[in-house]
Every structure is written in structure tokens, then in C-alpha cells.
Amino acid sequence: MTLVFYKKIDFSSMNSTLYIDKFIFWTESDTEQLPDVSFIPAMLRRRMSVIEKTAIALASKIAPEHNDYRIVFASRFGEWEQTIKLIRQFYTDKEMSPAGFSNSVHNASMGHLSLLTHNKNSYTSIAAGERTIENALLDAITSDKPVLFVYAEEKSPQEYTKILDKPVLTHGCAVYLDKSGTNAYELNTNDKDLPLLSFEQLHDYLENRKDIETSNWKLSKK
């Protein structure tokens, strides 16, 4: 597998103005381990992982009633609880549950969201390590049609305690990017040595309507 990082991107040939009027951010707390998922049919809800419930709950809060939009889903770690469960199952039983495997793939959340919303447009699932948020957001903002950007992570398993810099809480966000609206941004190339775009930074930028900057691109408020 080859990883390509684009240091210089030319946006001059595209419509570089977009609008961000709707977004939601959520992080688990002592009083709330999951967003409200009561609207998901019980039979489907029982089969969903924490990350699926989180992503779909947040996406549903701001998704438009029409279905003429793409979906970009981002998660650095994805379905790690389900993956660990499958590995243990294979180690003990020498086989894996087909249903469990179908819920372990990186696009499982968006597959379920598409079914729930009857959205037949394309969706993309992105994992890019520490650059997951900024690379997935770039995919969303360069789309030629409205996009629902969804990011989610589930709580880090005990097995990862010694590997991670700090524990990961269940958290996520959903941002709707359109070609019309009131909060306009202009996309331009950037060439600065900046920290990687974090979940907390993105929340602060949108909540306070600041410019959104990465080392490669910048969304400037208009």
C-alpha cells in the first residue's frame, strides 16, 4: 500500500465556496455514555456497535430530509471492540461469526445509515492515522455536491492502554456542507507548518466561526 500526501493542492479550477450551517459535536461523559439512539429500530439497534450508534445518532441530528447528498465517514480506529471479539473467537473456536465480521468493517456505520435514510448516493470511509480528520474533511469539502461529514470513535479497549498516549473516549461529530446557506467559507491552498487538525480544534473553529487551517488547505470565512 502506498500513502501519498499532497503538499500543494490547486483549487483554482473548482467552485471553492461552500457553506457550513449545521454541525453537532458529542463526547461521552459520566452521565451520558451514548447519544440518544431510541429512534433506531430495536432489531437493528441490538446488532449495532458503539461506534455505529454514535455515528448514526449524530448524523441523524443534522442530515437533511432529502437524500441528495454524499456521506464521508472518518474514524482513525474504527470497529476495534468488534475486531478484538472476532480475533478471540477465531483463537478459541477456529472460526468467525459472519454477522460479527459484517459489523467489523470500516464502512459498517455508513452502510446502516444509508439504509435508515434510504440514501442511494455514494459514501466514503476514511482512516488515515493522525491525519484522519483533516484528510476526510478534505474529501468532503472538495465534493461537487452536498456532503454529510461524520466522524466517530469508540472507547479504547483495555488492550490498547499501553500503546495509546491517552485513553480514547467515545466521541464524534457530524457536519453538513452545502453549496448554499449563510455561513460561507472559501477553500484555498495553505503552506504552513501547522499541527494536525484535531477533533477539539475543529469544534472550536466551527463553534466560533474561525478559519479552519491545516498544513495543506484552509477554509477562510467569507
C-alpha atoms as a PDB file:
ATOM      1  CA  MET A   1       0.000   0.000   0.000  1.00  0.00           C
ATOM      2  CA  THR A   2       1.329   3.451  -0.930  1.00  0.00           C
ATOM      3  CA  LEU A   3       0.450   6.535   1.083  1.00  0.00           C
ATOM      4  CA  VAL A   4       0.506   9.840  -0.787  1.00  0.00           C
ATOM      5  CA  PHE A   5       0.476  13.181   0.999  1.00  0.00           C
ATOM      6  CA  TYR A   6      -0.361  16.154  -1.194  1.00  0.00           C
ATOM      7  CA  LYS A   7       1.680  19.147  -0.069  1.00  0.00           C
ATOM      8  CA  LYS A   8       0.429  21.548  -2.753  1.00  0.00           C
ATOM      9  CA  ILE A   9      -3.157  21.448  -3.937  1.00  0.00           C
ATOM     10  CA  ASP A  10      -4.599  23.733  -6.605  1.00  0.00           C
ATOM     11  CA  PHE A  11      -8.272  24.563  -6.061  1.00  0.00           C
ATOM     12  CA  SER A  12      -8.480  27.239  -8.763  1.00  0.00           C
ATOM     13  CA  SER A  13     -10.392  25.028 -11.205  1.00  0.00           C
ATOM     14  CA  MET A  14     -13.281  24.304  -8.827  1.00  0.00           C
ATOM     15  CA  ASN A  15     -16.033  26.242  -7.088  1.00  0.00           C
ATOM     16  CA  SER A  16     -14.175  26.876  -3.856  1.00  0.00           C
ATOM     17  CA  THR A  17     -17.059  28.418  -1.876  1.00  0.00           C
ATOM     18  CA  LEU A  18     -19.088  26.223   0.446  1.00  0.00           C
ATOM     19  CA  TYR A  19     -21.414  26.706   3.399  1.00  0.00           C
ATOM     20  CA  ILE A  20     -21.397  25.112   6.854  1.00  0.00           C
ATOM     21  CA  ASP A  21     -24.628  25.905   8.683  1.00  0.00           C
ATOM     22  CA  LYS A  22     -25.259  22.665  10.584  1.00  0.00           C
ATOM     23  CA  PHE A  23     -22.970  20.656  12.850  1.00  0.00           C
ATOM     24  CA  ILE A  24     -23.031  18.691  16.100  1.00  0.00           C
ATOM     25  CA  PHE A  25     -20.223  17.513  18.406  1.00  0.00           C
ATOM     26  CA  TRP A  26     -20.542  14.999  21.247  1.00  0.00           C
ATOM     27  CA  THR A  27     -18.235  13.305  23.801  1.00  0.00           C
ATOM     28  CA  GLU A  28     -19.202  10.718  26.371  1.00  0.00           C
ATOM     29  CA  SER A  29     -19.480  11.817  29.991  1.00  0.00           C
ATOM     30  CA  ASP A  30     -20.243  10.279  33.375  1.00  0.00           C
ATOM     31  CA  THR A  31     -23.933  10.855  32.749  1.00  0.00           C
ATOM     32  CA  GLU A  32     -24.111  10.035  29.026  1.00  0.00           C
ATOM     33  CA  GLN A  33     -22.216   7.090  27.532  1.00  0.00           C
ATOM     34  CA  LEU A  34     -24.099   7.227  24.204  1.00  0.00           C
ATOM     35  CA  PRO A  35     -26.160   9.766  22.269  1.00  0.00           C
ATOM     36  CA  ASP A  36     -29.882   9.059  22.022  1.00  0.00           C
ATOM     37  CA  VAL A  37     -30.436   6.103  19.680  1.00  0.00           C
ATOM     38  CA  SER A  38     -34.065   5.356  20.568  1.00  0.00           C
ATOM     39  CA  PHE A  39     -35.143   6.306  17.020  1.00  0.00           C
ATOM     40  CA  ILE A  40     -33.238   3.341  15.536  1.00  0.00           C
ATOM     41  CA  PRO A  41     -35.462   0.240  15.180  1.00  0.00           C
ATOM     42  CA  ALA A  42     -34.811  -2.097  18.119  1.00  0.00           C
ATOM     43  CA  MET A  43     -33.911  -5.115  15.994  1.00  0.00           C
ATOM     44  CA  LEU A  44     -31.238  -3.158  14.133  1.00  0.00           C
ATOM     45  CA  ARG A  45     -30.079  -1.295  17.234  1.00  0.00           C
ATOM     46  CA  ARG A  46     -29.297  -4.522  19.092  1.00  0.00           C
ATOM     47  CA  ARG A  47     -26.826  -5.549  16.391  1.00  0.00           C
ATOM     48  CA  MET A  48     -25.008  -2.197  16.280  1.00  0.00           C
ATOM     49  CA  SER A  49     -21.678  -1.445  17.908  1.00  0.00           C
ATOM     50  CA  VAL A  50     -20.988   1.654  19.999  1.00  0.00           C
ATOM     51  CA  ILE A  51     -19.294   3.441  17.108  1.00  0.00           C
ATOM     52  CA  GLU A  52     -22.206   2.703  14.775  1.00  0.00           C
ATOM     53  CA  LYS A  53     -24.732   4.029  17.274  1.00  0.00           C
ATOM     54  CA  THR A  54     -22.636   7.143  17.891  1.00  0.00           C
ATOM     55  CA  ALA A  55     -22.102   7.923  14.211  1.00  0.00           C
ATOM     56  CA  ILE A  56     -25.718   7.334  13.216  1.00  0.00           C
ATOM     57  CA  ALA A  57     -27.170   9.228  16.191  1.00  0.00           C
ATOM     58  CA  LEU A  58     -25.093  12.319  15.417  1.00  0.00           C
ATOM     59  CA  ALA A  59     -25.583  12.126  11.651  1.00  0.00           C
ATOM     60  CA  SER A  60     -29.343  11.850  12.047  1.00  0.00           C
ATOM     61  CA  LYS A  61     -29.453  15.065  14.088  1.00  0.00           C
ATOM     62  CA  ILE A  62     -28.397  17.218  11.131  1.00  0.00           C
ATOM     63  CA  ALA A  63     -28.989  15.144   7.993  1.00  0.00           C
ATOM     64  CA  PRO A  64     -31.396  16.924   5.613  1.00  0.00           C
ATOM     65  CA  GLU A  65     -34.764  15.397   4.811  1.00  0.00           C
ATOM     66  CA  HIS A  66     -33.827  14.989   1.151  1.00  0.00           C
ATOM     67  CA  ASN A  67     -31.304  12.351   0.070  1.00  0.00           C
ATOM     68  CA  ASP A  68     -29.305  14.304  -2.487  1.00  0.00           C
ATOM     69  CA  TYR A  69     -26.002  14.311  -0.614  1.00  0.00           C
ATOM     70  CA  ARG A  70     -22.860  12.206  -0.267  1.00  0.00           C
ATOM     71  CA  ILE A  71     -21.544  10.841   3.029  1.00  0.00           C
ATOM     72  CA  VAL A  72     -17.925  10.915   4.158  1.00  0.00           C
ATOM     73  CA  PHE A  73     -17.237   8.851   7.262  1.00  0.00           C
ATOM     74  CA  ALA A  74     -13.985   9.135   9.216  1.00  0.00           C
ATOM     75  CA  SER A  75     -12.611   7.049  12.051  1.00  0.00           C
ATOM     76  CA  ARG A  76      -8.979   6.534  12.977  1.00  0.00           C
ATOM     77  CA  PHE A  77      -9.544   3.314  14.932  1.00  0.00           C
ATOM     78  CA  GLY A  78     -12.875   2.058  13.652  1.00  0.00           C
ATOM     79  CA  GLU A  79     -14.523  -1.091  14.997  1.00  0.00           C
ATOM     80  CA  TRP A  80     -11.770  -2.198  17.350  1.00  0.00           C
ATOM     81  CA  GLU A  81     -14.040  -3.761  20.004  1.00  0.00           C
ATOM     82  CA  GLN A  82     -15.734  -5.893  17.375  1.00  0.00           C
ATOM     83  CA  THR A  83     -12.392  -6.779  15.772  1.00  0.00           C
ATOM     84  CA  ILE A  84     -10.902  -7.893  19.106  1.00  0.00           C
ATOM     85  CA  LYS A  85     -14.012 -10.007  19.713  1.00  0.00           C
ATOM     86  CA  LEU A  86     -13.569 -11.719  16.326  1.00  0.00           C
ATOM     87  CA  ILE A  87      -9.880 -12.405  16.952  1.00  0.00           C
ATOM     88  CA  ARG A  88     -10.687 -14.021  20.297  1.00  0.00           C
ATOM     89  CA  GLN A  89     -13.437 -16.049  18.684  1.00  0.00           C
ATOM     90  CA  PHE A  90     -11.101 -17.291  15.982  1.00  0.00           C
ATOM     91  CA  TYR A  91      -8.436 -18.160  18.575  1.00  0.00           C
ATOM     92  CA  THR A  92     -10.844 -20.244  20.658  1.00  0.00           C
ATOM     93  CA  ASP A  93     -13.290 -21.603  18.051  1.00  0.00           C
ATOM     94  CA  LYS A  94     -11.127 -21.510  14.879  1.00  0.00           C
ATOM     95  CA  GLU A  95     -13.922 -19.667  13.074  1.00  0.00           C
ATOM     96  CA  MET A  96     -15.557 -16.230  12.948  1.00  0.00           C
ATOM     97  CA  SER A  97     -19.167 -15.140  13.016  1.00  0.00           C
ATOM     98  CA  PRO A  98     -20.228 -13.866   9.540  1.00  0.00           C
ATOM     99  CA  ALA A  99     -22.610 -11.408  11.194  1.00  0.00           C
ATOM    100  CA  GLY A 100     -19.828 -10.237  13.504  1.00  0.00           C
ATOM    101  CA  PHE A 101     -17.481  -9.779  10.570  1.00  0.00           C
ATOM    102  CA  SER A 102     -20.025  -7.702   8.644  1.00  0.00           C
ATOM    103  CA  ASN A 103     -20.150  -5.300  11.588  1.00  0.00           C
ATOM    104  CA  SER A 104     -16.359  -5.090  11.908  1.00  0.00           C
ATOM    105  CA  VAL A 105     -15.618  -3.449   8.561  1.00  0.00           C
ATOM    106  CA  HIS A 106     -14.846   0.254   8.451  1.00  0.00           C
ATOM    107  CA  ASN A 107     -17.907   1.230   6.407  1.00  0.00           C
ATOM    108  CA  ALA A 108     -20.460  -0.642   8.536  1.00  0.00           C
ATOM    109  CA  SER A 109     -21.732   2.560  10.170  1.00  0.00           C
ATOM    110  CA  MET A 110     -22.428   4.293   6.883  1.00  0.00           C
ATOM    111  CA  GLY A 111     -23.984   1.199   5.396  1.00  0.00           C
ATOM    112  CA  HIS A 112     -26.545   1.219   8.187  1.00  0.00           C
ATOM    113  CA  LEU A 113     -27.032   4.992   7.881  1.00  0.00           C
ATOM    114  CA  SER A 114     -27.711   4.655   4.149  1.00  0.00           C
ATOM    115  CA  LEU A 115     -30.332   2.000   4.852  1.00  0.00           C
ATOM    116  CA  LEU A 116     -32.019   4.084   7.542  1.00  0.00           C
ATOM    117  CA  THR A 117     -32.135   7.243   5.411  1.00  0.00           C
ATOM    118  CA  HIS A 118     -32.750   5.478   2.074  1.00  0.00           C
ATOM    119  CA  ASN A 119     -29.796   7.410   0.670  1.00  0.00           C
ATOM    120  CA  LYS A 120     -28.530   5.751  -2.514  1.00  0.00           C
ATOM    121  CA  ASN A 121     -25.690   8.205  -3.124  1.00  0.00           C
ATOM    122  CA  SER A 122     -22.064   7.196  -2.684  1.00  0.00           C
ATOM    123  CA  TYR A 123     -20.273   7.207   0.649  1.00  0.00           C
ATOM    124  CA  THR A 124     -16.610   7.056   1.587  1.00  0.00           C
ATOM    125  CA  SER A 125     -14.992   5.628   4.718  1.00  0.00           C
ATOM    126  CA  ILE A 126     -11.564   7.008   5.587  1.00  0.00           C
ATOM    127  CA  ALA A 127      -8.899   6.022   8.127  1.00  0.00           C
ATOM    128  CA  ALA A 128      -5.634   7.941   7.828  1.00  0.00           C
ATOM    129  CA  GLY A 129      -3.974   7.656  11.215  1.00  0.00           C
ATOM    130  CA  GLU A 130      -3.394  11.008  12.906  1.00  0.00           C
ATOM    131  CA  ARG A 131      -4.484  12.749   9.695  1.00  0.00           C
ATOM    132  CA  THR A 132      -7.894  11.091   9.623  1.00  0.00           C
ATOM    133  CA  ILE A 133      -9.992  14.186  10.340  1.00  0.00           C
ATOM    134  CA  GLU A 134      -8.193  16.593   8.021  1.00  0.00           C
ATOM    135  CA  ASN A 135      -7.953  14.111   5.118  1.00  0.00           C
ATOM    136  CA  ALA A 136     -11.586  13.038   5.393  1.00  0.00           C
ATOM    137  CA  LEU A 137     -12.716  16.649   5.698  1.00  0.00           C
ATOM    138  CA  LEU A 138     -10.720  17.488   2.563  1.00  0.00           C
ATOM    139  CA  ASP A 139     -12.611  14.748   0.721  1.00  0.00           C
ATOM    140  CA  ALA A 140     -15.858  16.321   1.916  1.00  0.00           C
ATOM    141  CA  ILE A 141     -15.063  19.944   1.060  1.00  0.00           C
ATOM    142  CA  THR A 142     -13.840  19.123  -2.453  1.00  0.00           C
ATOM    143  CA  SER A 143     -17.045  17.284  -3.347  1.00  0.00           C
ATOM    144  CA  ASP A 144     -19.149  18.616  -6.207  1.00  0.00           C
ATOM    145  CA  LYS A 145     -22.370  18.029  -4.264  1.00  0.00           C
ATOM    146  CA  PRO A 146     -23.608  18.476  -0.662  1.00  0.00           C
ATOM    147  CA  VAL A 147     -21.842  16.234   1.868  1.00  0.00           C
ATOM    148  CA  LEU A 148     -22.597  14.888   5.315  1.00  0.00           C
ATOM    149  CA  PHE A 149     -19.246  14.527   7.096  1.00  0.00           C
ATOM    150  CA  VAL A 150     -19.362  12.088  10.018  1.00  0.00           C
ATOM    151  CA  TYR A 151     -16.523  11.304  12.422  1.00  0.00           C
ATOM    152  CA  ALA A 152     -16.710   8.832  15.313  1.00  0.00           C
ATOM    153  CA  GLU A 153     -14.525   6.841  17.680  1.00  0.00           C
ATOM    154  CA  GLU A 154     -15.483   4.362  20.365  1.00  0.00           C
ATOM    155  CA  LYS A 155     -13.877   3.993  23.790  1.00  0.00           C
ATOM    156  CA  SER A 156     -10.440   2.429  23.624  1.00  0.00           C
ATOM    157  CA  PRO A 157     -10.239  -1.205  24.796  1.00  0.00           C
ATOM    158  CA  GLN A 158      -8.122  -2.146  27.798  1.00  0.00           C
ATOM    159  CA  GLU A 159      -5.692  -3.944  25.491  1.00  0.00           C
ATOM    160  CA  TYR A 160      -4.598  -0.611  23.979  1.00  0.00           C
ATOM    161  CA  THR A 161      -3.789   1.148  27.252  1.00  0.00           C
ATOM    162  CA  LYS A 162      -0.012   0.715  26.902  1.00  0.00           C
ATOM    163  CA  ILE A 163       0.003   1.684  23.215  1.00  0.00           C
ATOM    164  CA  LEU A 164      -2.014   4.908  23.223  1.00  0.00           C
ATOM    165  CA  ASP A 165      -0.732   8.242  24.508  1.00  0.00           C
ATOM    166  CA  LYS A 166      -4.001   8.613  26.394  1.00  0.00           C
ATOM    167  CA  PRO A 167      -7.297   6.703  26.588  1.00  0.00           C
ATOM    168  CA  VAL A 168      -9.872   7.424  23.891  1.00  0.00           C
ATOM    169  CA  LEU A 169     -13.413   8.270  24.959  1.00  0.00           C
ATOM    170  CA  THR A 170     -16.400   7.587  22.752  1.00  0.00           C
ATOM    171  CA  HIS A 171     -16.904  10.777  20.755  1.00  0.00           C
ATOM    172  CA  GLY A 172     -17.889  12.076  17.369  1.00  0.00           C
ATOM    173  CA  CYS A 173     -19.308  14.830  15.225  1.00  0.00           C
ATOM    174  CA  ALA A 174     -21.383  15.424  12.131  1.00  0.00           C
ATOM    175  CA  VAL A 175     -21.022  18.415   9.815  1.00  0.00           C
ATOM    176  CA  TYR A 176     -23.243  19.207   6.828  1.00  0.00           C
ATOM    177  CA  LEU A 177     -21.517  21.022   3.963  1.00  0.00           C
ATOM    178  CA  ASP A 178     -23.696  22.555   1.257  1.00  0.00           C
ATOM    179  CA  LYS A 179     -23.403  24.755  -1.829  1.00  0.00           C
ATOM    180  CA  SER A 180     -25.750  27.366  -0.375  1.00  0.00           C
ATOM    181  CA  GLY A 181     -26.503  28.806   3.045  1.00  0.00           C
ATOM    182  CA  THR A 182     -25.476  31.671   5.324  1.00  0.00           C
ATOM    183  CA  ASN A 183     -22.075  30.702   6.766  1.00  0.00           C
ATOM    184  CA  ALA A 184     -19.802  30.827   3.751  1.00  0.00           C
ATOM    185  CA  TYR A 185     -16.213  29.593   3.587  1.00  0.00           C
ATOM    186  CA  GLU A 186     -13.674  29.756   0.794  1.00  0.00           C
ATOM    187  CA  LEU A 187     -11.240  26.905   0.181  1.00  0.00           C
ATOM    188  CA  ASN A 188      -7.625  27.784  -0.583  1.00  0.00           C
ATOM    189  CA  THR A 189      -4.231  26.125  -0.639  1.00  0.00           C
ATOM    190  CA  ASN A 190      -2.175  26.508   2.527  1.00  0.00           C
ATOM    191  CA  ASP A 191       1.556  26.084   3.049  1.00  0.00           C
ATOM    192  CA  LYS A 192       2.180  26.401   6.775  1.00  0.00           C
ATOM    193  CA  ASP A 193       3.775  24.147   9.335  1.00  0.00           C
ATOM    194  CA  LEU A 194       0.669  23.519  11.477  1.00  0.00           C
ATOM    195  CA  PRO A 195      -0.315  20.808  13.981  1.00  0.00           C
ATOM    196  CA  LEU A 196      -2.621  18.085  12.750  1.00  0.00           C
ATOM    197  CA  LEU A 197      -6.287  19.066  12.804  1.00  0.00           C
ATOM    198  CA  SER A 198      -7.849  17.642  15.966  1.00  0.00           C
ATOM    199  CA  PHE A 199     -11.436  16.943  16.977  1.00  0.00           C
ATOM    200  CA  GLU A 200     -11.253  19.692  19.608  1.00  0.00           C
ATOM    201  CA  GLN A 201      -9.809  22.226  17.155  1.00  0.00           C
ATOM    202  CA  LEU A 202     -12.478  21.543  14.556  1.00  0.00           C
ATOM    203  CA  HIS A 203     -15.164  22.021  17.202  1.00  0.00           C
ATOM    204  CA  ASP A 204     -13.643  25.337  18.281  1.00  0.00           C
ATOM    205  CA  TYR A 205     -13.275  26.563  14.678  1.00  0.00           C
ATOM    206  CA  LEU A 206     -16.896  25.836  13.792  1.00  0.00           C
ATOM    207  CA  GLU A 207     -18.440  26.892  17.100  1.00  0.00           C
ATOM    208  CA  ASN A 208     -16.697  30.279  16.971  1.00  0.00           C
ATOM    209  CA  ARG A 209     -16.722  30.558  13.175  1.00  0.00           C
ATOM    210  CA  LYS A 210     -12.979  30.810  12.781  1.00  0.00           C
ATOM    211  CA  ASP A 211     -10.854  29.933   9.755  1.00  0.00           C
ATOM    212  CA  ILE A 212     -10.153  26.196   9.562  1.00  0.00           C
ATOM    213  CA  GLU A 213      -6.485  25.599   8.787  1.00  0.00           C
ATOM    214  CA  THR A 214      -4.259  22.619   8.077  1.00  0.00           C
ATOM    215  CA  SER A 215      -0.778  22.472   6.595  1.00  0.00           C
ATOM    216  CA  ASN A 216      -2.218  21.814   3.138  1.00  0.00           C
ATOM    217  CA  TRP A 217      -5.542  23.665   2.923  1.00  0.00           C
ATOM    218  CA  LYS A 218      -7.512  26.437   4.585  1.00  0.00           C
ATOM    219  CA  LEU A 219     -11.196  27.283   4.866  1.00  0.00           C
ATOM    220  CA  SER A 220     -11.480  31.057   5.247  1.00  0.00           C
ATOM    221  CA  LYS A 221     -14.756  32.546   6.435  1.00  0.00           C
ATOM    222  CA  LYS A 222     -16.332  34.998   3.986  1.00  0.00           C
END
